[in-house]
Amino acid sequence: MLILELDYLKAQYDKGRRLTPIDLRSRDEFSRGHLPGAHSLPLDELTTRFHEIPTADLVVLYCDCTSAEAEGAYRFLREQRYRNVSILGAGFKAWEEKGYPIER
């Protein structure tokens, strides 16, 4: 399982790396703020909407859920043959607390 640290992900943004953040939180939480360029895909919709996730670029799953829930989403996508998936280990709140950019 590929778990990314906050600073590493921020550096990838700064380098202009093509990545696709997938916000697994609720739509309400997403609307209050999310990672730049993120797509809202609530955890409870993952199994029906996973085909919306690109198979290129680096996909970064994040939420403020338990590590087991994030790992479950990761494993599900791997079972669907996604090989470009990672998890932001610290979650959205930690990203925001570091003062890293968010979109609303």
PDB file of N, CA and C in Angstrom:
ATOM      1  N   MET A   1       0.846  -1.176   0.000  1.00  0.00           N
ATOM      2  CA  MET A   1       0.000   0.000   0.000  1.00  0.00           C
ATOM      3  C   MET A   1       0.890   1.238   0.000  1.00  0.00           C
ATOM      4  N   LEU A   2       0.581   2.173  -0.864  1.00  0.00           N
ATOM      5  CA  LEU A   2       1.369   3.396  -0.982  1.00  0.00           C
ATOM      6  C   LEU A   2       0.702   4.508  -0.180  1.00  0.00           C
ATOM      7  N   ILE A   3       1.329   4.879   0.935  1.00  0.00           N
ATOM      8  CA  ILE A   3       0.804   5.953   1.782  1.00  0.00           C
ATOM      9  C   ILE A   3       1.721   7.161   1.647  1.00  0.00           C
ATOM     10  N   LEU A   4       1.145   8.290   1.247  1.00  0.00           N
ATOM     11  CA  LEU A   4       1.918   9.505   1.018  1.00  0.00           C
ATOM     12  C   LEU A   4       1.898  10.405   2.244  1.00  0.00           C
ATOM     13  N   GLU A   5       3.024  11.016   2.506  1.00  0.00           N
ATOM     14  CA  GLU A   5       3.133  12.010   3.571  1.00  0.00           C
ATOM     15  C   GLU A   5       2.665  13.356   3.031  1.00  0.00           C
ATOM     16  N   LEU A   6       2.205  14.217   3.917  1.00  0.00           N
ATOM     17  CA  LEU A   6       1.722  15.550   3.531  1.00  0.00           C
ATOM     18  C   LEU A   6       2.757  16.328   2.735  1.00  0.00           C
ATOM     19  N   ASP A   7       3.971  16.393   3.250  1.00  0.00           N
ATOM     20  CA  ASP A   7       5.007  17.198   2.601  1.00  0.00           C
ATOM     21  C   ASP A   7       5.353  16.660   1.216  1.00  0.00           C
ATOM     22  N   TYR A   8       5.337  15.347   1.058  1.00  0.00           N
ATOM     23  CA  TYR A   8       5.617  14.755  -0.253  1.00  0.00           C
ATOM     24  C   TYR A   8       4.539  15.171  -1.256  1.00  0.00           C
ATOM     25  N   LEU A   9       3.277  15.064  -0.844  1.00  0.00           N
ATOM     26  CA  LEU A   9       2.195  15.431  -1.754  1.00  0.00           C
ATOM     27  C   LEU A   9       2.260  16.906  -2.101  1.00  0.00           C
ATOM     28  N   LYS A  10       2.534  17.751  -1.127  1.00  0.00           N
ATOM     29  CA  LYS A  10       2.665  19.195  -1.392  1.00  0.00           C
ATOM     30  C   LYS A  10       3.774  19.440  -2.405  1.00  0.00           C
ATOM     31  N   ALA A  11       4.887  18.735  -2.275  1.00  0.00           N
ATOM     32  CA  ALA A  11       5.999  18.880  -3.221  1.00  0.00           C
ATOM     33  C   ALA A  11       5.575  18.454  -4.626  1.00  0.00           C
ATOM     34  N   GLN A  12       4.730  17.439  -4.732  1.00  0.00           N
ATOM     35  CA  GLN A  12       4.256  17.000  -6.047  1.00  0.00           C
ATOM     36  C   GLN A  12       3.396  18.088  -6.695  1.00  0.00           C
ATOM     37  N   TYR A  13       2.544  18.720  -5.900  1.00  0.00           N
ATOM     38  CA  TYR A  13       1.776  19.865  -6.404  1.00  0.00           C
ATOM     39  C   TYR A  13       2.728  20.956  -6.882  1.00  0.00           C
ATOM     40  N   ASP A  14       3.717  21.275  -6.061  1.00  0.00           N
ATOM     41  CA  ASP A  14       4.647  22.361  -6.381  1.00  0.00           C
ATOM     42  C   ASP A  14       5.431  22.079  -7.666  1.00  0.00           C
ATOM     43  N   LYS A  15       5.714  20.806  -7.931  1.00  0.00           N
ATOM     44  CA  LYS A  15       6.452  20.414  -9.140  1.00  0.00           C
ATOM     45  C   LYS A  15       5.550  20.375 -10.371  1.00  0.00           C
ATOM     46  N   GLY A  16       4.257  20.505 -10.156  1.00  0.00           N
ATOM     47  CA  GLY A  16       3.315  20.457 -11.275  1.00  0.00           C
ATOM     48  C   GLY A  16       3.003  19.045 -11.734  1.00  0.00           C
ATOM     49  N   ARG A  17       3.253  18.057 -10.885  1.00  0.00           N
ATOM     50  CA  ARG A  17       2.975  16.672 -11.263  1.00  0.00           C
ATOM     51  C   ARG A  17       1.485  16.487 -11.487  1.00  0.00           C
ATOM     52  N   ARG A  18       1.164  15.724 -12.500  1.00  0.00           N
ATOM     53  CA  ARG A  18      -0.237  15.420 -12.774  1.00  0.00           C
ATOM     54  C   ARG A  18      -0.720  14.401 -11.759  1.00  0.00           C
ATOM     55  N   LEU A  19      -1.713  14.801 -10.986  1.00  0.00           N
ATOM     56  CA  LEU A  19      -2.289  13.900 -10.007  1.00  0.00           C
ATOM     57  C   LEU A  19      -3.769  14.175  -9.884  1.00  0.00           C
ATOM     58  N   THR A  20      -4.479  13.187  -9.380  1.00  0.00           N
ATOM     59  CA  THR A  20      -5.918  13.306  -9.214  1.00  0.00           C
ATOM     60  C   THR A  20      -6.279  12.968  -7.776  1.00  0.00           C
ATOM     61  N   PRO A  21      -6.529  13.986  -6.952  1.00  0.00           N
ATOM     62  CA  PRO A  21      -6.980  13.727  -5.591  1.00  0.00           C
ATOM     63  C   PRO A  21      -8.454  13.298  -5.610  1.00  0.00           C
ATOM     64  N   ILE A  22      -8.761  12.263  -4.861  1.00  0.00           N
ATOM     65  CA  ILE A  22     -10.132  11.780  -4.734  1.00  0.00           C
ATOM     66  C   ILE A  22     -10.554  11.951  -3.286  1.00  0.00           C
ATOM     67  N   ASP A  23     -11.535  12.831  -3.073  1.00  0.00           N
ATOM     68  CA  ASP A  23     -12.031  13.142  -1.736  1.00  0.00           C
ATOM     69  C   ASP A  23     -13.139  12.154  -1.381  1.00  0.00           C
ATOM     70  N   LEU A  24     -12.868  11.308  -0.404  1.00  0.00           N
ATOM     71  CA  LEU A  24     -13.811  10.271   0.003  1.00  0.00           C
ATOM     72  C   LEU A  24     -14.798  10.752   1.068  1.00  0.00           C
ATOM     73  N   ARG A  25     -14.701  12.016   1.458  1.00  0.00           N
ATOM     74  CA  ARG A  25     -15.611  12.559   2.474  1.00  0.00           C
ATOM     75  C   ARG A  25     -16.975  12.857   1.850  1.00  0.00           C
ATOM     76  N   SER A  26     -17.915  13.260   2.679  1.00  0.00           N
ATOM     77  CA  SER A  26     -19.261  13.586   2.190  1.00  0.00           C
ATOM     78  C   SER A  26     -19.207  14.813   1.271  1.00  0.00           C
ATOM     79  N   ARG A  27     -20.251  14.982   0.503  1.00  0.00           N
ATOM     80  CA  ARG A  27     -20.331  16.144  -0.399  1.00  0.00           C
ATOM     81  C   ARG A  27     -20.322  17.456   0.387  1.00  0.00           C
ATOM     82  N   ASP A  28     -20.961  17.465   1.551  1.00  0.00           N
ATOM     83  CA  ASP A  28     -20.973  18.672   2.387  1.00  0.00           C
ATOM     84  C   ASP A  28     -19.561  19.033   2.828  1.00  0.00           C
ATOM     85  N   GLU A  29     -18.822  18.033   3.302  1.00  0.00           N
ATOM     86  CA  GLU A  29     -17.442  18.295   3.726  1.00  0.00           C
ATOM     87  C   GLU A  29     -16.606  18.780   2.542  1.00  0.00           C
ATOM     88  N   PHE A  30     -16.800  18.158   1.379  1.00  0.00           N
ATOM     89  CA  PHE A  30     -16.078  18.556   0.170  1.00  0.00           C
ATOM     90  C   PHE A  30     -16.361  20.016  -0.162  1.00  0.00           C
ATOM     91  N   SER A  31     -17.624  20.430  -0.061  1.00  0.00           N
ATOM     92  CA  SER A  31     -17.986  21.800  -0.432  1.00  0.00           C
ATOM     93  C   SER A  31     -17.387  22.837   0.515  1.00  0.00           C
ATOM     94  N   ARG A  32     -17.052  22.430   1.730  1.00  0.00           N
ATOM     95  CA  ARG A  32     -16.438  23.355   2.692  1.00  0.00           C
ATOM     96  C   ARG A  32     -14.930  23.514   2.453  1.00  0.00           C
ATOM     97  N   GLY A  33     -14.354  22.667   1.633  1.00  0.00           N
ATOM     98  CA  GLY A  33     -12.936  22.769   1.313  1.00  0.00           C
ATOM     99  C   GLY A  33     -12.365  21.422   0.947  1.00  0.00           C
ATOM    100  N   HIS A  34     -11.450  21.428  -0.046  1.00  0.00           N
ATOM    101  CA  HIS A  34     -10.842  20.190  -0.513  1.00  0.00           C
ATOM    102  C   HIS A  34      -9.480  20.491  -1.136  1.00  0.00           C
ATOM    103  N   LEU A  35      -8.703  19.448  -1.399  1.00  0.00           N
ATOM    104  CA  LEU A  35      -7.404  19.617  -2.042  1.00  0.00           C
ATOM    105  C   LEU A  35      -7.594  20.208  -3.439  1.00  0.00           C
ATOM    106  N   PRO A  36      -6.631  20.985  -3.916  1.00  0.00           N
ATOM    107  CA  PRO A  36      -6.736  21.559  -5.258  1.00  0.00           C
ATOM    108  C   PRO A  36      -6.942  20.477  -6.319  1.00  0.00           C
ATOM    109  N   GLY A  37      -7.946  20.691  -7.151  1.00  0.00           N
ATOM    110  CA  GLY A  37      -8.222  19.776  -8.252  1.00  0.00           C
ATOM    111  C   GLY A  37      -8.909  18.486  -7.855  1.00  0.00           C
ATOM    112  N   ALA A  38      -9.347  18.382  -6.608  1.00  0.00           N
ATOM    113  CA  ALA A  38      -9.942  17.134  -6.121  1.00  0.00           C
ATOM    114  C   ALA A  38     -11.312  16.875  -6.737  1.00  0.00           C
ATOM    115  N   HIS A  39     -11.638  15.601  -6.804  1.00  0.00           N
ATOM    116  CA  HIS A  39     -12.948  15.138  -7.245  1.00  0.00           C
ATOM    117  C   HIS A  39     -13.663  14.552  -6.038  1.00  0.00           C
ATOM    118  N   SER A  40     -14.941  14.879  -5.900  1.00  0.00           N
ATOM    119  CA  SER A  40     -15.726  14.334  -4.800  1.00  0.00           C
ATOM    120  C   SER A  40     -16.257  12.960  -5.178  1.00  0.00           C
ATOM    121  N   LEU A  41     -15.902  11.972  -4.365  1.00  0.00           N
ATOM    122  CA  LEU A  41     -16.398  10.617  -4.548  1.00  0.00           C
ATOM    123  C   LEU A  41     -16.581  10.013  -3.150  1.00  0.00           C
ATOM    124  N   PRO A  42     -17.724  10.324  -2.508  1.00  0.00           N
ATOM    125  CA  PRO A  42     -17.937   9.851  -1.144  1.00  0.00           C
ATOM    126  C   PRO A  42     -17.720   8.346  -1.018  1.00  0.00           C
ATOM    127  N   LEU A  43     -17.166   7.958   0.098  1.00  0.00           N
ATOM    128  CA  LEU A  43     -16.804   6.566   0.342  1.00  0.00           C
ATOM    129  C   LEU A  43     -17.963   5.613   0.075  1.00  0.00           C
ATOM    130  N   ASP A  44     -19.180   6.023   0.449  1.00  0.00           N
ATOM    131  CA  ASP A  44     -20.329   5.133   0.251  1.00  0.00           C
ATOM    132  C   ASP A  44     -20.775   5.035  -1.211  1.00  0.00           C
ATOM    133  N   GLU A  45     -20.145   5.802  -2.112  1.00  0.00           N
ATOM    134  CA  GLU A  45     -20.468   5.727  -3.543  1.00  0.00           C
ATOM    135  C   GLU A  45     -19.325   5.106  -4.350  1.00  0.00           C
ATOM    136  N   LEU A  46     -18.259   4.745  -3.683  1.00  0.00           N
ATOM    137  CA  LEU A  46     -17.064   4.266  -4.386  1.00  0.00           C
ATOM    138  C   LEU A  46     -17.338   3.058  -5.273  1.00  0.00           C
ATOM    139  N   THR A  47     -18.076   2.093  -4.769  1.00  0.00           N
ATOM    140  CA  THR A  47     -18.275   0.869  -5.543  1.00  0.00           C
ATOM    141  C   THR A  47     -19.137   1.075  -6.789  1.00  0.00           C
ATOM    142  N   THR A  48     -19.934   2.134  -6.827  1.00  0.00           N
ATOM    143  CA  THR A  48     -20.768   2.388  -8.005  1.00  0.00           C
ATOM    144  C   THR A  48     -20.185   3.450  -8.933  1.00  0.00           C
ATOM    145  N   ARG A  49     -19.246   4.255  -8.434  1.00  0.00           N
ATOM    146  CA  ARG A  49     -18.705   5.349  -9.249  1.00  0.00           C
ATOM    147  C   ARG A  49     -17.205   5.261  -9.502  1.00  0.00           C
ATOM    148  N   PHE A  50     -16.568   4.173  -9.100  1.00  0.00           N
ATOM    149  CA  PHE A  50     -15.110   4.080  -9.222  1.00  0.00           C
ATOM    150  C   PHE A  50     -14.624   4.257 -10.652  1.00  0.00           C
ATOM    151  N   HIS A  51     -15.468   3.916 -11.634  1.00  0.00           N
ATOM    152  CA  HIS A  51     -15.067   4.057 -13.041  1.00  0.00           C
ATOM    153  C   HIS A  51     -14.785   5.513 -13.429  1.00  0.00           C
ATOM    154  N   GLU A  52     -15.177   6.477 -12.607  1.00  0.00           N
ATOM    155  CA  GLU A  52     -14.901   7.890 -12.865  1.00  0.00           C
ATOM    156  C   GLU A  52     -13.453   8.259 -12.531  1.00  0.00           C
ATOM    157  N   ILE A  53     -12.753   7.390 -11.830  1.00  0.00           N
ATOM    158  CA  ILE A  53     -11.376   7.660 -11.422  1.00  0.00           C
ATOM    159  C   ILE A  53     -10.448   7.345 -12.589  1.00  0.00           C
ATOM    160  N   PRO A  54      -9.567   8.261 -12.955  1.00  0.00           N
ATOM    161  CA  PRO A  54      -8.668   8.000 -14.083  1.00  0.00           C
ATOM    162  C   PRO A  54      -7.675   6.876 -13.783  1.00  0.00           C
ATOM    163  N   THR A  55      -7.248   6.212 -14.825  1.00  0.00           N
ATOM    164  CA  THR A  55      -6.266   5.141 -14.659  1.00  0.00           C
ATOM    165  C   THR A  55      -4.854   5.628 -14.940  1.00  0.00           C
ATOM    166  N   ALA A  56      -4.731   6.862 -15.402  1.00  0.00           N
ATOM    167  CA  ALA A  56      -3.409   7.478 -15.582  1.00  0.00           C
ATOM    168  C   ALA A  56      -3.180   8.409 -14.394  1.00  0.00           C
ATOM    169  N   ASP A  57      -2.098   9.124 -14.404  1.00  0.00           N
ATOM    170  CA  ASP A  57      -1.770  10.060 -13.326  1.00  0.00           C
ATOM    171  C   ASP A  57      -1.737   9.335 -11.972  1.00  0.00           C
ATOM    172  N   LEU A  58      -1.287  10.035 -10.970  1.00  0.00           N
ATOM    173  CA  LEU A  58      -1.261   9.504  -9.619  1.00  0.00           C
ATOM    174  C   LEU A  58      -2.596   9.831  -8.952  1.00  0.00           C
ATOM    175  N   VAL A  59      -3.312   8.832  -8.494  1.00  0.00           N
ATOM    176  CA  VAL A  59      -4.568   9.014  -7.799  1.00  0.00           C
ATOM    177  C   VAL A  59      -4.272   9.003  -6.300  1.00  0.00           C
ATOM    178  N   VAL A  60      -4.743  10.046  -5.606  1.00  0.00           N
ATOM    179  CA  VAL A  60      -4.513  10.169  -4.167  1.00  0.00           C
ATOM    180  C   VAL A  60      -5.853  10.167  -3.455  1.00  0.00           C
ATOM    181  N   LEU A  61      -6.121   9.094  -2.725  1.00  0.00           N
ATOM    182  CA  LEU A  61      -7.339   9.000  -1.932  1.00  0.00           C
ATOM    183  C   LEU A  61      -7.121   9.725  -0.615  1.00  0.00           C
ATOM    184  N   TYR A  62      -8.128  10.467  -0.181  1.00  0.00           N
ATOM    185  CA  TYR A  62      -8.025  11.085   1.142  1.00  0.00           C
ATOM    186  C   TYR A  62      -9.397  11.283   1.748  1.00  0.00           C
ATOM    187  N   CYS A  63      -9.398  11.401   3.065  1.00  0.00           N
ATOM    188  CA  CYS A  63     -10.621  11.614   3.824  1.00  0.00           C
ATOM    189  C   CYS A  63     -10.211  12.031   5.229  1.00  0.00           C
ATOM    190  N   ASP A  64     -11.152  12.030   6.112  1.00  0.00           N
ATOM    191  CA  ASP A  64     -10.875  12.153   7.538  1.00  0.00           C
ATOM    192  C   ASP A  64     -11.549  10.969   8.211  1.00  0.00           C
ATOM    193  N   CYS A  65     -11.426   9.830   7.575  1.00  0.00           N
ATOM    194  CA  CYS A  65     -12.029   8.601   8.055  1.00  0.00           C
ATOM    195  C   CYS A  65     -10.965   7.756   8.760  1.00  0.00           C
ATOM    196  N   THR A  66     -11.349   6.591   9.193  1.00  0.00           N
ATOM    197  CA  THR A  66     -10.379   5.713   9.842  1.00  0.00           C
ATOM    198  C   THR A  66      -9.409   5.175   8.800  1.00  0.00           C
ATOM    199  N   SER A  67      -8.242   4.775   9.234  1.00  0.00           N
ATOM    200  CA  SER A  67      -7.271   4.209   8.298  1.00  0.00           C
ATOM    201  C   SER A  67      -7.833   2.938   7.664  1.00  0.00           C
ATOM    202  N   ALA A  68      -8.654   2.194   8.395  1.00  0.00           N
ATOM    203  CA  ALA A  68      -9.250   0.980   7.841  1.00  0.00           C
ATOM    204  C   ALA A  68     -10.176   1.303   6.668  1.00  0.00           C
ATOM    205  N   GLU A  69     -10.937   2.393   6.777  1.00  0.00           N
ATOM    206  CA  GLU A  69     -11.835   2.774   5.683  1.00  0.00           C
ATOM    207  C   GLU A  69     -11.035   3.206   4.459  1.00  0.00           C
ATOM    208  N   ALA A  70     -10.008   4.007   4.648  1.00  0.00           N
ATOM    209  CA  ALA A  70      -9.169   4.438   3.530  1.00  0.00           C
ATOM    210  C   ALA A  70      -8.469   3.242   2.894  1.00  0.00           C
ATOM    211  N   GLU A  71      -7.977   2.322   3.715  1.00  0.00           N
ATOM    212  CA  GLU A  71      -7.318   1.133   3.194  1.00  0.00           C
ATOM    213  C   GLU A  71      -8.300   0.242   2.452  1.00  0.00           C
ATOM    214  N   GLY A  72      -9.548   0.195   2.918  1.00  0.00           N
ATOM    215  CA  GLY A  72     -10.572  -0.571   2.216  1.00  0.00           C
ATOM    216  C   GLY A  72     -10.832  -0.015   0.829  1.00  0.00           C
ATOM    217  N   ALA A  73     -10.892   1.301   0.718  1.00  0.00           N
ATOM    218  CA  ALA A  73     -11.075   1.947  -0.585  1.00  0.00           C
ATOM    219  C   ALA A  73      -9.879   1.644  -1.489  1.00  0.00           C
ATOM    220  N   TYR A  74      -8.680   1.720  -0.934  1.00  0.00           N
ATOM    221  CA  TYR A  74      -7.455   1.414  -1.686  1.00  0.00           C
ATOM    222  C   TYR A  74      -7.504  -0.028  -2.208  1.00  0.00           C
ATOM    223  N   ARG A  75      -7.805  -0.974  -1.324  1.00  0.00           N
ATOM    224  CA  ARG A  75      -7.842  -2.385  -1.726  1.00  0.00           C
ATOM    225  C   ARG A  75      -8.911  -2.620  -2.792  1.00  0.00           C
ATOM    226  N   PHE A  76     -10.079  -1.984  -2.629  1.00  0.00           N
ATOM    227  CA  PHE A  76     -11.131  -2.132  -3.624  1.00  0.00           C
ATOM    228  C   PHE A  76     -10.642  -1.689  -4.998  1.00  0.00           C
ATOM    229  N   LEU A  77     -10.002  -0.518  -5.066  1.00  0.00           N
ATOM    230  CA  LEU A  77      -9.515  -0.019  -6.356  1.00  0.00           C
ATOM    231  C   LEU A  77      -8.428  -0.911  -6.931  1.00  0.00           C
ATOM    232  N   ARG A  78      -7.562  -1.434  -6.095  1.00  0.00           N
ATOM    233  CA  ARG A  78      -6.540  -2.372  -6.576  1.00  0.00           C
ATOM    234  C   ARG A  78      -7.200  -3.621  -7.172  1.00  0.00           C
ATOM    235  N   GLU A  79      -8.283  -4.073  -6.552  1.00  0.00           N
ATOM    236  CA  GLU A  79      -9.017  -5.235  -7.083  1.00  0.00           C
ATOM    237  C   GLU A  79      -9.639  -4.921  -8.444  1.00  0.00           C
ATOM    238  N   GLN A  80      -9.916  -3.643  -8.689  1.00  0.00           N
ATOM    239  CA  GLN A  80     -10.482  -3.208  -9.967  1.00  0.00           C
ATOM    240  C   GLN A  80      -9.372  -2.921 -10.993  1.00  0.00           C
ATOM    241  N   ARG A  81      -8.158  -3.295 -10.668  1.00  0.00           N
ATOM    242  CA  ARG A  81      -6.976  -3.177 -11.533  1.00  0.00           C
ATOM    243  C   ARG A  81      -6.392  -1.762 -11.617  1.00  0.00           C
ATOM    244  N   TYR A  82      -6.689  -0.940 -10.646  1.00  0.00           N
ATOM    245  CA  TYR A  82      -6.037   0.366 -10.565  1.00  0.00           C
ATOM    246  C   TYR A  82      -4.654   0.151  -9.965  1.00  0.00           C
ATOM    247  N   ARG A  83      -3.617   0.647 -10.634  1.00  0.00           N
ATOM    248  CA  ARG A  83      -2.251   0.485 -10.152  1.00  0.00           C
ATOM    249  C   ARG A  83      -1.606   1.824  -9.789  1.00  0.00           C
ATOM    250  N   ASN A  84      -2.348   2.893  -9.969  1.00  0.00           N
ATOM    251  CA  ASN A  84      -1.837   4.249  -9.763  1.00  0.00           C
ATOM    252  C   ASN A  84      -2.403   4.888  -8.499  1.00  0.00           C
ATOM    253  N   VAL A  85      -2.815   4.081  -7.532  1.00  0.00           N
ATOM    254  CA  VAL A  85      -3.540   4.575  -6.360  1.00  0.00           C
ATOM    255  C   VAL A  85      -2.625   4.699  -5.148  1.00  0.00           C
ATOM    256  N   SER A  86      -2.853   5.758  -4.382  1.00  0.00           N
ATOM    257  CA  SER A  86      -2.138   5.982  -3.127  1.00  0.00           C
ATOM    258  C   SER A  86      -3.125   6.580  -2.126  1.00  0.00           C
ATOM    259  N   ILE A  87      -2.674   6.690  -0.876  1.00  0.00           N
ATOM    260  CA  ILE A  87      -3.500   7.268   0.192  1.00  0.00           C
ATOM    261  C   ILE A  87      -2.720   8.402   0.843  1.00  0.00           C
ATOM    262  N   LEU A  88      -3.385   9.522   1.069  1.00  0.00           N
ATOM    263  CA  LEU A  88      -2.786  10.587   1.869  1.00  0.00           C
ATOM    264  C   LEU A  88      -2.948  10.176   3.322  1.00  0.00           C
ATOM    265  N   GLY A  89      -1.861   9.770   3.937  1.00  0.00           N
ATOM    266  CA  GLY A  89      -1.904   9.169   5.258  1.00  0.00           C
ATOM    267  C   GLY A  89      -2.526  10.023   6.339  1.00  0.00           C
ATOM    268  N   ALA A  90      -2.242  11.304   6.361  1.00  0.00           N
ATOM    269  CA  ALA A  90      -2.694  12.156   7.462  1.00  0.00           C
ATOM    270  C   ALA A  90      -4.110  12.693   7.280  1.00  0.00           C
ATOM    271  N   GLY A  91      -4.652  12.649   6.096  1.00  0.00           N
ATOM    272  CA  GLY A  91      -6.008  13.122   5.857  1.00  0.00           C
ATOM    273  C   GLY A  91      -6.117  14.618   5.604  1.00  0.00           C
ATOM    274  N   PHE A  92      -7.341  15.027   5.290  1.00  0.00           N
ATOM    275  CA  PHE A  92      -7.585  16.413   4.903  1.00  0.00           C
ATOM    276  C   PHE A  92      -7.343  17.406   6.022  1.00  0.00           C
ATOM    277  N   LYS A  93      -7.804  17.107   7.225  1.00  0.00           N
ATOM    278  CA  LYS A  93      -7.650  18.065   8.338  1.00  0.00           C
ATOM    279  C   LYS A  93      -6.179  18.401   8.564  1.00  0.00           C
ATOM    280  N   ALA A  94      -5.324  17.409   8.500  1.00  0.00           N
ATOM    281  CA  ALA A  94      -3.892  17.644   8.703  1.00  0.00           C
ATOM    282  C   ALA A  94      -3.332  18.518   7.574  1.00  0.00           C
ATOM    283  N   TRP A  95      -3.791  18.299   6.346  1.00  0.00           N
ATOM    284  CA  TRP A  95      -3.376  19.118   5.206  1.00  0.00           C
ATOM    285  C   TRP A  95      -3.762  20.579   5.461  1.00  0.00           C
ATOM    286  N   GLU A  96      -4.992  20.779   5.867  1.00  0.00           N
ATOM    287  CA  GLU A  96      -5.504  22.124   6.126  1.00  0.00           C
ATOM    288  C   GLU A  96      -4.754  22.781   7.292  1.00  0.00           C
ATOM    289  N   GLU A  97      -4.501  22.017   8.345  1.00  0.00           N
ATOM    290  CA  GLU A  97      -3.800  22.555   9.515  1.00  0.00           C
ATOM    291  C   GLU A  97      -2.373  22.988   9.189  1.00  0.00           C
ATOM    292  N   LYS A  98      -1.756  22.358   8.199  1.00  0.00           N
ATOM    293  CA  LYS A  98      -0.405  22.757   7.782  1.00  0.00           C
ATOM    294  C   LYS A  98      -0.429  24.061   6.987  1.00  0.00           C
ATOM    295  N   GLY A  99      -1.612  24.517   6.634  1.00  0.00           N
ATOM    296  CA  GLY A  99      -1.721  25.749   5.863  1.00  0.00           C
ATOM    297  C   GLY A  99      -1.528  25.543   4.378  1.00  0.00           C
ATOM    298  N   TYR A 100      -1.588  24.292   3.935  1.00  0.00           N
ATOM    299  CA  TYR A 100      -1.465  23.998   2.510  1.00  0.00           C
ATOM    300  C   TYR A 100      -2.731  24.443   1.779  1.00  0.00           C
ATOM    301  N   PRO A 101      -2.619  24.703   0.473  1.00  0.00           N
ATOM    302  CA  PRO A 101      -3.752  25.267  -0.257  1.00  0.00           C
ATOM    303  C   PRO A 101      -4.956  24.329  -0.318  1.00  0.00           C
ATOM    304  N   ILE A 102      -6.124  24.948  -0.217  1.00  0.00           N
ATOM    305  CA  ILE A 102      -7.378  24.223  -0.398  1.00  0.00           C
ATOM    306  C   ILE A 102      -8.263  25.044  -1.345  1.00  0.00           C
ATOM    307  N   GLU A 103      -9.213  24.371  -1.929  1.00  0.00           N
ATOM    308  CA  GLU A 103     -10.196  25.028  -2.782  1.00  0.00           C
ATOM    309  C   GLU A 103     -11.564  24.883  -2.122  1.00  0.00           C
ATOM    310  N   ARG A 104     -12.419  25.830  -2.435  1.00  0.00           N
ATOM    311  CA  ARG A 104     -13.804  25.772  -1.944  1.00  0.00           C
ATOM    312  C   ARG A 104     -14.748  25.859  -3.110  1.00  0.00           C
TER     313      ARG A 104
END
